[in-house]
C-alpha cells in the first residue's frame, strides 16, 4: 500500500497533521476511532468521503511512522 496516494500533510490544514487527502480527517483521529472499537463499516458509514483504501493508507502511514527510530528515541526520553 502506497499511503502517499491517500495521506497528505499541509501546514494550512489542521496545523500540519497528516490527514486523508481531500478531508480534514487526521490519521490520529481515525486511529482513535479504531481504538474506541469502531469498525471499518461504522467509520465508512459516518464518513462517506473515506474509502477502504484510504483507511488502509492510515494504517500503512502509522506503521511506517512507528517504525521510524526518532519516535522511539522521543519515547525513551520521556520515560
Protein backbone atom coordinates (compact mmCIF):
# COMPACT_ATOMS: atom_id res chain seq x y z
CA UNK A 1 0.00 0.00 0.00
CA UNK A 2 1.40 3.34 -1.06
CA UNK A 3 -0.02 5.63 1.62
CA UNK A 4 1.34 8.68 -0.25
CA UNK A 5 -1.63 8.38 -2.62
CA UNK A 6 -4.07 8.91 0.27
CA UNK A 7 -2.37 10.81 3.10
CA UNK A 8 -1.48 14.49 2.86
CA UNK A 9 0.31 16.98 5.08
CA UNK A 10 -0.32 20.70 4.65
CA UNK A 11 0.58 23.28 7.27
CA UNK A 12 -2.67 25.10 6.41
CA UNK A 13 -4.81 22.07 7.30
CA UNK A 14 -5.15 21.01 10.96
CA UNK A 15 -1.82 22.63 11.84
CA UNK A 16 0.05 20.25 9.56
CA UNK A 17 -1.29 16.98 10.95
CA UNK A 18 -1.38 14.13 8.43
CA UNK A 19 -4.90 13.86 7.01
CA UNK A 20 -6.69 11.77 4.43
CA UNK A 21 -6.43 13.72 1.17
CA UNK A 22 -9.46 15.83 0.42
CA UNK A 23 -10.65 15.77 4.04
CA UNK A 24 -9.89 17.29 7.41
CA UNK A 25 -9.85 13.82 8.99
CA UNK A 26 -6.49 13.27 10.63
CA UNK A 27 -4.68 9.97 10.84
CA UNK A 28 -4.63 10.15 14.64
CA UNK A 29 -8.40 10.85 14.77
CA UNK A 30 -9.16 7.82 12.61
CA UNK A 31 -6.80 5.57 14.57
CA UNK A 32 -8.53 6.80 17.71
CA UNK A 33 -11.89 5.67 16.35
CA UNK A 34 -10.49 2.19 15.77
CA UNK A 35 -9.01 2.25 19.29
CA UNK A 36 -12.51 3.02 20.58
CA UNK A 37 -13.77 -0.17 18.85
CA UNK A 38 -15.35 1.48 15.83
CA UNK A 39 -15.50 -0.90 12.90
CA UNK A 40 -14.45 -0.05 9.37
CA UNK A 41 -18.12 -0.19 8.36
CA UNK A 42 -19.08 2.32 11.06
CA UNK A 43 -16.33 4.71 10.00
CA UNK A 44 -17.22 4.46 6.31
CA UNK A 45 -20.91 4.97 7.12
CA UNK A 46 -20.23 8.07 9.24
CA UNK A 47 -17.54 9.49 6.97
CA UNK A 48 -18.66 8.63 3.42
CA UNK A 49 -15.79 10.62 1.90
CA UNK A 50 -13.46 7.82 3.07
CA UNK A 51 -12.81 4.56 1.27
CA UNK A 52 -11.47 1.17 2.29
CA UNK A 53 -8.22 2.13 0.56
CA UNK A 54 -7.90 5.41 2.47
CA UNK A 55 -8.31 3.54 5.76
CA UNK A 56 -5.66 1.04 4.68
CA UNK A 57 -3.40 4.02 3.96
CA UNK A 58 -3.98 5.32 7.50
CA UNK A 59 -2.61 2.05 8.88
CA UNK A 60 0.27 1.96 6.38
CA UNK A 61 1.23 5.52 7.34
CA UNK A 62 1.02 4.68 11.05
CA UNK A 63 3.09 1.52 10.62
CA UNK A 64 5.81 3.40 8.78
CA UNK A 65 5.76 6.26 11.27
CA UNK A 66 6.04 3.98 14.30
CA UNK A 67 8.93 2.21 12.63
CA UNK A 68 10.94 5.40 12.44
CA UNK A 69 13.68 5.44 15.05
CA UNK A 70 13.10 9.06 16.06
CA UNK A 71 9.75 8.17 17.64
CA UNK A 72 11.35 5.53 19.82
CA UNK A 73 14.09 7.92 20.90
CA UNK A 74 11.50 10.51 21.92
CA UNK A 75 9.56 7.89 23.88
CA UNK A 76 12.72 6.82 25.73
CA UNK A 77 13.48 10.39 26.74
CA UNK A 78 10.01 10.76 28.24
CA UNK A 79 10.42 7.72 30.49
